Protein backbone atom coordinates (compact mmCIF):
# COMPACT_ATOMS: atom_id res chain seq x y z
CA MET A 1 0.00 0.00 0.00
CA ASP A 2 1.47 3.28 -1.07
CA MET A 3 1.06 5.73 1.78
CA SER A 4 2.84 8.54 -0.06
CA THR A 5 -0.07 9.28 -2.38
CA SER A 6 -3.17 10.98 -1.12
CA ASP A 7 -6.38 8.98 -0.96
CA PRO A 8 -9.35 10.79 0.61
CA VAL A 9 -11.09 7.58 1.69
CA ARG A 10 -7.96 6.18 3.33
CA ASP A 11 -7.18 9.51 4.96
CA GLU A 12 -10.68 9.78 6.42
CA LEU A 13 -10.60 6.21 7.71
CA ILE A 14 -7.21 6.73 9.33
CA LYS A 15 -8.66 9.71 11.20
CA SER A 16 -11.96 8.15 12.18
CA ASN A 17 -11.49 4.36 12.43
CA PRO A 18 -9.05 2.98 15.03
CA MET A 19 -9.25 -0.57 13.62
CA PHE A 20 -8.38 0.70 10.15
CA ARG A 21 -5.51 2.77 11.57
CA ASP A 22 -4.18 -0.34 13.34
CA LEU A 23 -4.35 -2.37 10.12
CA VAL A 24 -2.41 0.31 8.22
CA HIS A 25 0.20 0.39 10.97
CA GLN A 26 0.44 -3.41 10.93
CA HIS A 27 0.87 -3.37 7.14
CA GLN A 28 3.68 -0.81 7.44
CA THR A 29 5.38 -2.88 10.15
CA TYR A 30 5.30 -5.99 7.96
CA GLU A 31 6.70 -3.99 5.05
CA GLN A 32 9.56 -2.62 7.15
CA ARG A 33 10.53 -6.11 8.32
CA LEU A 34 10.33 -7.49 4.77
CA VAL A 35 12.72 -4.76 3.61
CA GLU A 36 15.12 -5.76 6.39
CA LEU A 37 14.90 -9.42 5.37
CA ALA A 38 15.39 -8.57 1.69
CA HIS A 39 18.69 -6.89 2.51
CA LEU A 40 20.12 -10.04 4.10
CA THR A 41 22.79 -11.57 1.88
CA TYR A 42 22.40 -15.12 3.21
CA PRO A 43 19.14 -15.50 5.12
CA ASN A 44 18.91 -18.62 7.25
CA ASP A 45 15.96 -21.01 7.13
CA ASP A 46 14.08 -19.19 9.89
CA GLU A 47 14.47 -15.85 8.13
CA GLN A 48 13.29 -17.32 4.84
CA MET A 49 10.25 -18.81 6.59
CA GLU A 50 9.59 -15.49 8.31
CA GLU A 51 9.67 -13.73 4.94
CA VAL A 52 7.13 -16.10 3.42
CA THR A 53 4.87 -15.81 6.46
CA LEU A 54 5.09 -12.02 6.55
CA LYS A 55 4.23 -11.75 2.87
CA LYS A 56 1.08 -13.78 3.45
CA LYS A 57 0.11 -11.76 6.53
CA LYS A 58 0.79 -8.49 4.74
CA LEU A 59 -1.43 -9.54 1.84
CA LEU A 60 -4.27 -10.51 4.20
CA VAL A 61 -4.01 -7.15 5.96
CA LYS A 62 -3.93 -5.33 2.62
CA ASP A 63 -7.07 -7.18 1.49
CA GLU A 64 -8.82 -6.18 4.73
CA ILE A 65 -7.73 -2.55 4.31
CA TYR A 66 -9.08 -2.39 0.77
CA SER A 67 -12.30 -4.11 1.81
CA ILE A 68 -12.88 -1.51 4.52
CA MET A 69 -12.05 1.29 2.08
CA HIS A 70 -14.45 -0.12 -0.51
CA ASN A 71 -17.28 -0.51 2.00
CA PHE A 72 -16.71 3.03 3.28
CA ALA A 73 -16.67 4.49 -0.24
CA VAL A 74 -19.88 2.67 -1.20
CA SER A 75 -21.71 3.75 1.94
CA HIS A 76 -20.69 7.43 1.75
C-alpha cells in the first residue's frame, strides 16, 4: 500500500477508524521487516520462513484494508 499518495477515503478512515488505523500500521510494520529481510545476503531457514509468512500476513491485511475502504466508499 502506497502511503505517499493521497487517498481521501484512506485519509478519512485513518482519522476516524481505530481498527483501520491499526491495520495500516500493521501493514507498514510488515513492510519494514520485509525490507530488512530482503537486505540479508544469506538469510537462514528461519528468516526465509519469516519472509514467506510475513508476505502472506501483509497480503491478508492489505485485502482487509481495501475491503474496509471499498465498504466506506460505497456507503458514503
